[in-house]
Every structure is written in structure tokens, then in C-alpha cells.
PDB file of N, CA and C in Angstrom:
ATOM      1  N   MET A   1      26.706  54.673  16.045  1.00  0.00           N
ATOM      2  CA  MET A   1      26.642  54.669  17.480  1.00  0.00           C
ATOM      3  C   MET A   1      27.697  55.779  17.898  1.00  0.00           C
ATOM      4  N   THR A   2      27.536  56.598  18.583  1.00  0.00           N
ATOM      5  CA  THR A   2      28.243  57.878  18.993  1.00  0.00           C
ATOM      6  C   THR A   2      28.437  58.000  20.397  1.00  0.00           C
ATOM      7  N   ALA A   3      29.577  58.109  20.808  1.00  0.00           N
ATOM      8  CA  ALA A   3      29.965  58.555  22.582  1.00  0.00           C
ATOM      9  C   ALA A   3      29.526  60.158  22.466  1.00  0.00           C
ATOM     10  N   PHE A   4      29.045  60.325  23.451  1.00  0.00           N
ATOM     11  CA  PHE A   4      28.883  61.829  23.865  1.00  0.00           C
ATOM     12  C   PHE A   4      28.994  62.164  25.455  1.00  0.00           C
ATOM     13  N   GLY A   5      28.923  63.208  26.073  1.00  0.00           N
ATOM     14  CA  GLY A   5      28.663  63.347  27.337  1.00  0.00           C
ATOM     15  C   GLY A   5      30.205  63.660  27.839  1.00  0.00           C
ATOM     16  N   SER A   6      30.517  63.494  29.059  1.00  0.00           N
ATOM     17  CA  SER A   6      31.915  63.636  29.655  1.00  0.00           C
ATOM     18  C   SER A   6      32.762  62.829  28.902  1.00  0.00           C
ATOM     19  N   SER A   7      32.558  61.652  28.638  1.00  0.00           N
ATOM     20  CA  SER A   7      33.730  60.688  28.045  1.00  0.00           C
ATOM     21  C   SER A   7      34.027  61.382  26.680  1.00  0.00           C
ATOM     22  N   TYR A   8      33.370  62.323  26.026  1.00  0.00           N
ATOM     23  CA  TYR A   8      33.639  62.784  24.936  1.00  0.00           C
ATOM     24  C   TYR A   8      34.172  64.265  25.038  1.00  0.00           C
ATOM     25  N   ASN A   9      33.567  65.100  25.870  1.00  0.00           N
ATOM     26  CA  ASN A   9      33.735  66.320  25.750  1.00  0.00           C
ATOM     27  C   ASN A   9      34.803  66.910  26.749  1.00  0.00           C
ATOM     28  N   ALA A  10      35.944  65.836  27.189  1.00  0.00           N
ATOM     29  CA  ALA A  10      36.973  66.150  28.053  1.00  0.00           C
ATOM     30  C   ALA A  10      36.719  66.473  29.626  1.00  0.00           C
ATOM     31  N   LEU A  11      35.492  66.385  29.923  1.00  0.00           N
ATOM     32  CA  LEU A  11      35.090  66.604  31.136  1.00  0.00           C
ATOM     33  C   LEU A  11      34.898  65.430  32.259  1.00  0.00           C
ATOM     34  N   TRP A  12      35.480  64.392  31.846  1.00  0.00           N
ATOM     35  CA  TRP A  12      35.562  63.307  32.310  1.00  0.00           C
ATOM     36  C   TRP A  12      35.938  63.213  34.024  1.00  0.00           C
ATOM     37  N   THR A  13      35.396  62.364  34.960  1.00  0.00           N
ATOM     38  CA  THR A  13      35.970  62.474  36.202  1.00  0.00           C
ATOM     39  C   THR A  13      35.921  60.800  36.734  1.00  0.00           C
ATOM     40  N   ALA A  14      36.362  60.598  37.806  1.00  0.00           N
ATOM     41  CA  ALA A  14      36.445  59.319  38.074  1.00  0.00           C
ATOM     42  C   ALA A  14      35.227  58.782  38.321  1.00  0.00           C
ATOM     43  N   ASN A  15      34.235  59.335  38.524  1.00  0.00           N
ATOM     44  CA  ASN A  15      32.806  58.823  38.812  1.00  0.00           C
ATOM     45  C   ASN A  15      31.911  58.708  37.428  1.00  0.00           C
ATOM     46  N   SER A  16      32.589  59.201  36.323  1.00  0.00           N
ATOM     47  CA  SER A  16      31.616  59.394  35.291  1.00  0.00           C
ATOM     48  C   SER A  16      31.248  58.202  34.743  1.00  0.00           C
ATOM     49  N   ASP A  17      30.182  58.026  33.891  1.00  0.00           N
ATOM     50  CA  ASP A  17      29.935  57.046  33.116  1.00  0.00           C
ATOM     51  C   ASP A  17      30.012  57.363  31.369  1.00  0.00           C
ATOM     52  N   ILE A  18      29.834  56.237  30.724  1.00  0.00           N
ATOM     53  CA  ILE A  18      29.999  56.329  29.236  1.00  0.00           C
ATOM     54  C   ILE A  18      28.450  56.667  28.655  1.00  0.00           C
ATOM     55  N   ASP A  19      28.341  57.613  27.886  1.00  0.00           N
ATOM     56  CA  ASP A  19      27.077  57.909  27.385  1.00  0.00           C
ATOM     57  C   ASP A  19      27.222  57.633  25.935  1.00  0.00           C
ATOM     58  N   VAL A  20      26.250  56.732  25.453  1.00  0.00           N
ATOM     59  CA  VAL A  20      26.269  56.210  23.954  1.00  0.00           C
ATOM     60  C   VAL A  20      25.043  56.400  23.335  1.00  0.00           C
ATOM     61  N   SER A  21      25.046  57.126  22.080  1.00  0.00           N
ATOM     62  CA  SER A  21      23.511  57.070  21.392  1.00  0.00           C
ATOM     63  C   SER A  21      23.768  56.429  20.163  1.00  0.00           C
ATOM     64  N   VAL A  22      22.814  55.501  19.852  1.00  0.00           N
ATOM     65  CA  VAL A  22      22.599  54.898  18.598  1.00  0.00           C
ATOM     66  C   VAL A  22      21.329  55.911  17.605  1.00  0.00           C
ATOM     67  N   VAL A  23      22.093  56.142  16.722  1.00  0.00           N
ATOM     68  CA  VAL A  23      21.095  57.030  15.984  1.00  0.00           C
ATOM     69  C   VAL A  23      20.704  56.204  14.686  1.00  0.00           C
ATOM     70  N   PHE A  24      19.375  55.908  14.420  1.00  0.00           N
ATOM     71  CA  PHE A  24      18.604  55.432  13.550  1.00  0.00           C
ATOM     72  C   PHE A  24      18.148  56.528  12.520  1.00  0.00           C
ATOM     73  N   PHE A  25      18.234  56.037  10.978  1.00  0.00           N
ATOM     74  CA  PHE A  25      17.997  56.980  10.174  1.00  0.00           C
ATOM     75  C   PHE A  25      16.516  57.419  10.067  1.00  0.00           C
ATOM     76  N   ASP A  26      15.668  56.536  10.823  1.00  0.00           N
ATOM     77  CA  ASP A  26      14.399  57.025  10.820  1.00  0.00           C
ATOM     78  C   ASP A  26      13.932  57.606  12.061  1.00  0.00           C
ATOM     79  N   ARG A  27      14.950  58.257  12.636  1.00  0.00           N
ATOM     80  CA  ARG A  27      14.400  58.924  13.913  1.00  0.00           C
ATOM     81  C   ARG A  27      13.553  59.895  14.270  1.00  0.00           C
ATOM     82  N   GLN A  28      13.091  60.380  13.149  1.00  0.00           N
ATOM     83  CA  GLN A  28      11.854  61.189  13.135  1.00  0.00           C
ATOM     84  C   GLN A  28      10.669  60.548  13.135  1.00  0.00           C
ATOM     85  N   GLU A  29      10.590  59.168  12.902  1.00  0.00           N
ATOM     86  CA  GLU A  29       9.300  58.420  12.654  1.00  0.00           C
ATOM     87  C   GLU A  29       9.072  57.565  13.689  1.00  0.00           C
ATOM     88  N   THR A  30      10.184  57.160  14.636  1.00  0.00           N
ATOM     89  CA  THR A  30      10.071  56.061  15.446  1.00  0.00           C
ATOM     90  C   THR A  30      10.380  56.565  16.861  1.00  0.00           C
ATOM     91  N   ALA A  31       9.320  56.266  17.743  1.00  0.00           N
ATOM     92  CA  ALA A  31       9.712  56.561  19.309  1.00  0.00           C
ATOM     93  C   ALA A  31      11.182  55.733  19.681  1.00  0.00           C
ATOM     94  N   PRO A  32      11.839  56.143  20.470  1.00  0.00           N
ATOM     95  CA  PRO A  32      13.357  55.946  21.030  1.00  0.00           C
ATOM     96  C   PRO A  32      12.895  54.467  21.744  1.00  0.00           C
ATOM     97  N   ASN A  33      11.829  54.506  22.467  1.00  0.00           N
ATOM     98  CA  ASN A  33      11.657  53.146  23.140  1.00  0.00           C
ATOM     99  C   ASN A  33      11.516  52.000  22.234  1.00  0.00           C
ATOM    100  N   LYS A  34      10.873  52.252  21.403  1.00  0.00           N
ATOM    101  CA  LYS A  34      10.806  50.765  20.428  1.00  0.00           C
ATOM    102  C   LYS A  34      12.180  50.515  20.013  1.00  0.00           C
ATOM    103  N   HIS A  35      13.036  51.372  19.561  1.00  0.00           N
ATOM    104  CA  HIS A  35      14.398  50.809  19.233  1.00  0.00           C
ATOM    105  C   HIS A  35      15.299  50.208  20.504  1.00  0.00           C
ATOM    106  N   LEU A  36      14.965  50.981  21.745  1.00  0.00           N
ATOM    107  CA  LEU A  36      15.745  50.395  22.997  1.00  0.00           C
ATOM    108  C   LEU A  36      15.256  49.057  23.301  1.00  0.00           C
ATOM    109  N   GLN A  37      14.015  48.687  23.206  1.00  0.00           N
ATOM    110  CA  GLN A  37      13.411  47.377  23.384  1.00  0.00           C
ATOM    111  C   GLN A  37      14.213  46.207  22.456  1.00  0.00           C
ATOM    112  N   GLN A  38      14.480  46.738  21.154  1.00  0.00           N
ATOM    113  CA  GLN A  38      15.035  45.790  20.288  1.00  0.00           C
ATOM    114  C   GLN A  38      16.548  45.552  20.824  1.00  0.00           C
ATOM    115  N   LEU A  39      17.235  46.549  21.496  1.00  0.00           N
ATOM    116  CA  LEU A  39      18.589  46.460  21.703  1.00  0.00           C
ATOM    117  C   LEU A  39      18.783  45.654  23.211  1.00  0.00           C
ATOM    118  N   ILE A  40      17.586  45.467  23.940  1.00  0.00           N
ATOM    119  CA  ILE A  40      17.965  44.908  25.222  1.00  0.00           C
ATOM    120  C   ILE A  40      18.335  43.594  25.244  1.00  0.00           C
ATOM    121  N   LEU A  41      17.654  42.581  24.368  1.00  0.00           N
ATOM    122  CA  LEU A  41      18.084  41.284  24.380  1.00  0.00           C
ATOM    123  C   LEU A  41      19.378  40.917  23.920  1.00  0.00           C
ATOM    124  N   PRO A  42      20.109  41.635  22.807  1.00  0.00           N
ATOM    125  CA  PRO A  42      21.381  41.279  22.463  1.00  0.00           C
ATOM    126  C   PRO A  42      22.309  41.723  23.666  1.00  0.00           C
ATOM    127  N   LEU A  43      21.995  42.791  24.361  1.00  0.00           N
ATOM    128  CA  LEU A  43      22.941  43.358  25.447  1.00  0.00           C
ATOM    129  C   LEU A  43      22.722  42.209  26.633  1.00  0.00           C
ATOM    130  N   GLU A  44      21.575  41.921  26.861  1.00  0.00           N
ATOM    131  CA  GLU A  44      21.609  40.833  27.953  1.00  0.00           C
ATOM    132  C   GLU A  44      22.326  39.473  27.608  1.00  0.00           C
ATOM    133  N   LYS A  45      22.323  39.346  26.459  1.00  0.00           N
ATOM    134  CA  LYS A  45      23.332  38.107  25.969  1.00  0.00           C
ATOM    135  C   LYS A  45      24.745  38.354  26.280  1.00  0.00           C
ATOM    136  N   LEU A  46      25.127  39.784  26.112  1.00  0.00           N
ATOM    137  CA  LEU A  46      26.446  40.025  26.025  1.00  0.00           C
ATOM    138  C   LEU A  46      26.959  40.484  27.644  1.00  0.00           C
ATOM    139  N   SER A  47      25.948  40.732  28.512  1.00  0.00           N
ATOM    140  CA  SER A  47      26.284  41.038  29.742  1.00  0.00           C
ATOM    141  C   SER A  47      25.641  40.361  30.868  1.00  0.00           C
ATOM    142  N   SER A  48      26.567  39.980  32.059  1.00  0.00           N
ATOM    143  CA  SER A  48      25.599  39.120  32.979  1.00  0.00           C
ATOM    144  C   SER A  48      25.599  40.024  34.169  1.00  0.00           C
ATOM    145  N   VAL A  49      25.894  41.412  34.140  1.00  0.00           N
ATOM    146  CA  VAL A  49      25.602  42.277  35.311  1.00  0.00           C
ATOM    147  C   VAL A  49      24.407  42.702  35.384  1.00  0.00           C
ATOM    148  N   GLY A  50      23.502  42.792  34.421  1.00  0.00           N
ATOM    149  CA  GLY A  50      21.989  43.297  34.390  1.00  0.00           C
ATOM    150  C   GLY A  50      21.966  44.458  33.802  1.00  0.00           C
ATOM    151  N   ILE A  51      20.599  44.711  33.323  1.00  0.00           N
ATOM    152  CA  ILE A  51      20.343  45.812  32.455  1.00  0.00           C
ATOM    153  C   ILE A  51      19.253  46.645  32.997  1.00  0.00           C
ATOM    154  N   THR A  52      19.456  47.693  33.165  1.00  0.00           N
ATOM    155  CA  THR A  52      18.133  48.648  33.592  1.00  0.00           C
ATOM    156  C   THR A  52      17.611  49.346  32.511  1.00  0.00           C
ATOM    157  N   HIS A  53      16.382  49.211  32.220  1.00  0.00           N
ATOM    158  CA  HIS A  53      15.814  50.214  31.167  1.00  0.00           C
ATOM    159  C   HIS A  53      14.917  51.052  31.909  1.00  0.00           C
ATOM    160  N   VAL A  54      15.428  52.508  31.730  1.00  0.00           N
ATOM    161  CA  VAL A  54      14.774  53.664  32.306  1.00  0.00           C
ATOM    162  C   VAL A  54      14.064  54.431  31.273  1.00  0.00           C
ATOM    163  N   ASP A  55      12.790  54.190  31.110  1.00  0.00           N
ATOM    164  CA  ASP A  55      12.104  54.389  30.089  1.00  0.00           C
ATOM    165  C   ASP A  55      11.242  55.988  30.531  1.00  0.00           C
ATOM    166  N   SER A  56      11.214  56.193  31.854  1.00  0.00           N
ATOM    167  CA  SER A  56      10.288  57.247  32.481  1.00  0.00           C
ATOM    168  C   SER A  56      11.409  58.680  32.250  1.00  0.00           C
ATOM    169  N   ALA A  57      12.881  58.580  31.748  1.00  0.00           N
ATOM    170  CA  ALA A  57      13.564  59.771  31.803  1.00  0.00           C
ATOM    171  C   ALA A  57      13.213  60.533  30.641  1.00  0.00           C
ATOM    172  N   LYS A  58      13.710  61.638  30.598  1.00  0.00           N
ATOM    173  CA  LYS A  58      13.307  62.564  29.485  1.00  0.00           C
ATOM    174  C   LYS A  58      13.848  61.946  28.224  1.00  0.00           C
ATOM    175  N   VAL A  59      15.170  61.304  28.138  1.00  0.00           N
ATOM    176  CA  VAL A  59      15.666  60.671  26.989  1.00  0.00           C
ATOM    177  C   VAL A  59      15.846  59.124  27.644  1.00  0.00           C
ATOM    178  N   PRO A  60      14.932  58.128  27.050  1.00  0.00           N
ATOM    179  CA  PRO A  60      14.813  57.155  27.589  1.00  0.00           C
ATOM    180  C   PRO A  60      16.219  56.406  27.436  1.00  0.00           C
ATOM    181  N   ILE A  61      16.858  55.660  28.568  1.00  0.00           N
ATOM    182  CA  ILE A  61      18.124  54.876  28.393  1.00  0.00           C
ATOM    183  C   ILE A  61      18.127  53.537  28.833  1.00  0.00           C
ATOM    184  N   ILE A  62      19.264  52.711  28.463  1.00  0.00           N
ATOM    185  CA  ILE A  62      19.568  51.277  29.008  1.00  0.00           C
ATOM    186  C   ILE A  62      20.781  51.595  29.874  1.00  0.00           C
ATOM    187  N   LYS A  63      20.820  51.094  30.951  1.00  0.00           N
ATOM    188  CA  LYS A  63      21.863  51.304  31.703  1.00  0.00           C
ATOM    189  C   LYS A  63      22.775  50.044  32.071  1.00  0.00           C
ATOM    190  N   PHE A  64      23.816  49.940  31.757  1.00  0.00           N
ATOM    191  CA  PHE A  64      24.448  48.410  32.013  1.00  0.00           C
ATOM    192  C   PHE A  64      25.949  48.819  32.542  1.00  0.00           C
ATOM    193  N   ARG A  65      26.736  47.820  32.790  1.00  0.00           N
ATOM    194  CA  ARG A  65      28.164  48.063  32.948  1.00  0.00           C
ATOM    195  C   ARG A  65      29.083  46.961  32.411  1.00  0.00           C
ATOM    196  N   ASP A  66      30.051  47.418  31.508  1.00  0.00           N
ATOM    197  CA  ASP A  66      30.868  46.876  30.696  1.00  0.00           C
ATOM    198  C   ASP A  66      31.712  45.987  31.760  1.00  0.00           C
ATOM    199  N   GLU A  67      31.698  44.716  31.499  1.00  0.00           N
ATOM    200  CA  GLU A  67      32.446  43.908  32.395  1.00  0.00           C
ATOM    201  C   GLU A  67      33.878  43.893  32.401  1.00  0.00           C
ATOM    202  N   MET A  68      34.373  43.952  31.071  1.00  0.00           N
ATOM    203  CA  MET A  68      35.969  44.136  31.031  1.00  0.00           C
ATOM    204  C   MET A  68      36.585  45.152  31.480  1.00  0.00           C
ATOM    205  N   SER A  69      35.817  46.544  31.356  1.00  0.00           N
ATOM    206  CA  SER A  69      36.342  47.754  32.038  1.00  0.00           C
ATOM    207  C   SER A  69      35.989  48.051  33.342  1.00  0.00           C
ATOM    208  N   GLY A  70      34.784  47.585  33.557  1.00  0.00           N
ATOM    209  CA  GLY A  70      33.803  48.075  34.895  1.00  0.00           C
ATOM    210  C   GLY A  70      33.063  49.263  34.773  1.00  0.00           C
ATOM    211  N   LEU A  71      33.330  49.899  33.645  1.00  0.00           N
ATOM    212  CA  LEU A  71      32.395  51.283  33.456  1.00  0.00           C
ATOM    213  C   LEU A  71      31.007  51.331  33.195  1.00  0.00           C
ATOM    214  N   ASP A  72      30.348  51.976  33.903  1.00  0.00           N
ATOM    215  CA  ASP A  72      28.884  52.215  33.637  1.00  0.00           C
ATOM    216  C   ASP A  72      28.610  52.724  32.205  1.00  0.00           C
ATOM    217  N   ILE A  73      27.630  52.162  31.748  1.00  0.00           N
ATOM    218  CA  ILE A  73      27.241  52.786  30.201  1.00  0.00           C
ATOM    219  C   ILE A  73      25.822  52.986  30.383  1.00  0.00           C
ATOM    220  N   ASP A  74      25.583  54.229  29.778  1.00  0.00           N
ATOM    221  CA  ASP A  74      24.058  54.721  29.667  1.00  0.00           C
ATOM    222  C   ASP A  74      23.963  54.814  28.048  1.00  0.00           C
ATOM    223  N   LEU A  75      23.050  53.852  27.608  1.00  0.00           N
ATOM    224  CA  LEU A  75      22.587  53.864  26.023  1.00  0.00           C
ATOM    225  C   LEU A  75      21.346  54.341  25.649  1.00  0.00           C
ATOM    226  N   ASN A  76      21.384  55.229  24.795  1.00  0.00           N
ATOM    227  CA  ASN A  76      20.106  55.629  24.447  1.00  0.00           C
ATOM    228  C   ASN A  76      19.978  55.657  22.866  1.00  0.00           C
ATOM    229  N   VAL A  77      18.870  56.149  22.321  1.00  0.00           N
ATOM    230  CA  VAL A  77      18.595  56.127  20.834  1.00  0.00           C
ATOM    231  C   VAL A  77      18.389  57.440  20.624  1.00  0.00           C
ATOM    232  N   ASN A  78      19.012  57.936  19.329  1.00  0.00           N
ATOM    233  CA  ASN A  78      18.525  59.213  18.599  1.00  0.00           C
ATOM    234  C   ASN A  78      18.306  60.629  19.558  1.00  0.00           C
ATOM    235  N   ASN A  79      19.678  60.513  20.394  1.00  0.00           N
ATOM    236  CA  ASN A  79      19.726  61.622  21.206  1.00  0.00           C
ATOM    237  C   ASN A  79      20.782  62.703  20.483  1.00  0.00           C
ATOM    238  N   VAL A  80      20.328  63.207  19.450  1.00  0.00           N
ATOM    239  CA  VAL A  80      21.194  64.021  18.301  1.00  0.00           C
ATOM    240  C   VAL A  80      21.377  65.289  19.351  1.00  0.00           C
ATOM    241  N   LEU A  81      20.536  65.874  19.896  1.00  0.00           N
ATOM    242  CA  LEU A  81      20.771  67.087  20.767  1.00  0.00           C
ATOM    243  C   LEU A  81      21.684  66.893  21.794  1.00  0.00           C
ATOM    244  N   GLY A  82      21.859  65.859  22.526  1.00  0.00           N
ATOM    245  CA  GLY A  82      23.067  65.358  23.519  1.00  0.00           C
ATOM    246  C   GLY A  82      24.202  65.270  23.001  1.00  0.00           C
ATOM    247  N   ILE A  83      24.288  64.837  21.676  1.00  0.00           N
ATOM    248  CA  ILE A  83      25.520  64.702  21.024  1.00  0.00           C
ATOM    249  C   ILE A  83      26.123  66.056  20.532  1.00  0.00           C
ATOM    250  N   GLN A  84      25.200  66.933  20.181  1.00  0.00           N
ATOM    251  CA  GLN A  84      25.624  68.172  19.669  1.00  0.00           C
ATOM    252  C   GLN A  84      25.894  69.164  20.802  1.00  0.00           C
ATOM    253  N   ASN A  85      25.267  68.852  21.949  1.00  0.00           N
ATOM    254  CA  ASN A  85      25.686  69.717  23.213  1.00  0.00           C
ATOM    255  C   ASN A  85      27.034  69.179  23.598  1.00  0.00           C
ATOM    256  N   SER A  86      27.396  68.157  23.352  1.00  0.00           N
ATOM    257  CA  SER A  86      28.694  67.534  23.744  1.00  0.00           C
ATOM    258  C   SER A  86      29.553  68.011  23.144  1.00  0.00           C
ATOM    259  N   GLU A  87      29.475  68.080  21.656  1.00  0.00           N
ATOM    260  CA  GLU A  87      30.482  68.929  20.727  1.00  0.00           C
ATOM    261  C   GLU A  87      30.675  70.084  21.056  1.00  0.00           C
ATOM    262  N   LEU A  88      29.537  70.890  21.350  1.00  0.00           N
ATOM    263  CA  LEU A  88      29.615  72.259  21.792  1.00  0.00           C
ATOM    264  C   LEU A  88      30.614  72.568  23.204  1.00  0.00           C
ATOM    265  N   LEU A  89      30.274  71.560  24.290  1.00  0.00           N
ATOM    266  CA  LEU A  89      31.190  71.770  25.385  1.00  0.00           C
ATOM    267  C   LEU A  89      32.576  71.396  25.186  1.00  0.00           C
ATOM    268  N   TYR A  90      32.769  70.335  24.092  1.00  0.00           N
ATOM    269  CA  TYR A  90      34.020  70.098  23.795  1.00  0.00           C
ATOM    270  C   TYR A  90      34.845  71.342  23.249  1.00  0.00           C
ATOM    271  N   THR A  91      34.251  71.862  22.376  1.00  0.00           N
ATOM    272  CA  THR A  91      34.759  73.124  21.675  1.00  0.00           C
ATOM    273  C   THR A  91      35.158  74.258  22.687  1.00  0.00           C
ATOM    274  N   TYR A  92      34.128  74.487  23.577  1.00  0.00           N
ATOM    275  CA  TYR A  92      34.822  75.276  24.587  1.00  0.00           C
ATOM    276  C   TYR A  92      35.896  75.183  25.627  1.00  0.00           C
ATOM    277  N   THR A  93      35.911  73.764  25.777  1.00  0.00           N
ATOM    278  CA  THR A  93      37.383  73.450  26.421  1.00  0.00           C
ATOM    279  C   THR A  93      38.528  73.394  25.469  1.00  0.00           C
ATOM    280  N   LEU A  94      38.383  73.360  24.320  1.00  0.00           N
ATOM    281  CA  LEU A  94      39.600  73.672  23.416  1.00  0.00           C
ATOM    282  C   LEU A  94      39.877  75.375  23.278  1.00  0.00           C
ATOM    283  N   VAL A  95      38.872  75.995  23.395  1.00  0.00           N
ATOM    284  CA  VAL A  95      38.867  77.447  23.284  1.00  0.00           C
ATOM    285  C   VAL A  95      39.614  77.872  24.851  1.00  0.00           C
ATOM    286  N   ASP A  96      39.165  77.155  25.908  1.00  0.00           N
ATOM    287  CA  ASP A  96      39.719  77.598  27.083  1.00  0.00           C
ATOM    288  C   ASP A  96      41.099  77.102  27.325  1.00  0.00           C
TER     289      ASP A  96
END
């Protein structure tokens, strides 16, 4: 599991959410929605806030809120490009 996006690349604002990607070793062989479906039930047991599965997005996600921190979380599967882009933006902020 890897955090990426604004929570990783130092571009966080008060309205930002936390983007997390779970990377499975078989990422080339399995559609992300299959893994997301497997994650929904355990997350529903952990969260009473409610979970939204957005499977029509370019990168399908599960949206939910962490009860302890109150932060919104977007969870996706195998978004390696998003992780790499966040690392690139983080490097840009270090150079700047």
C-alpha cells in the first residue's frame, strides 16, 4: 500500500484527501475492479461512515472517511503511474 498525490508530494491543502494505491503483484493480469470488490467488505467492517465505489473513473476508486482523523481517503488498485507522477512532483518541489 502506497500513499501518493498531494499527501505525498508536499502539495497538501486543507481540502486535500489522502490517495492510497494497493499494488498487487499480478497487476498486469487482473482488472483493478476485481481487487477493489475484494477490499470493500473489510473496509465496510472498519468504517461506519459509508463507502462509495466509483468504478466509472479512469482509475476506479473506493472513497471513504477515516473516522479517527476525519480525513477523506481515495483507495485504488495498481495505480503505478499515479505513484510515479507523485514522486516526480515531489522531486520538483525539492528542486524548487
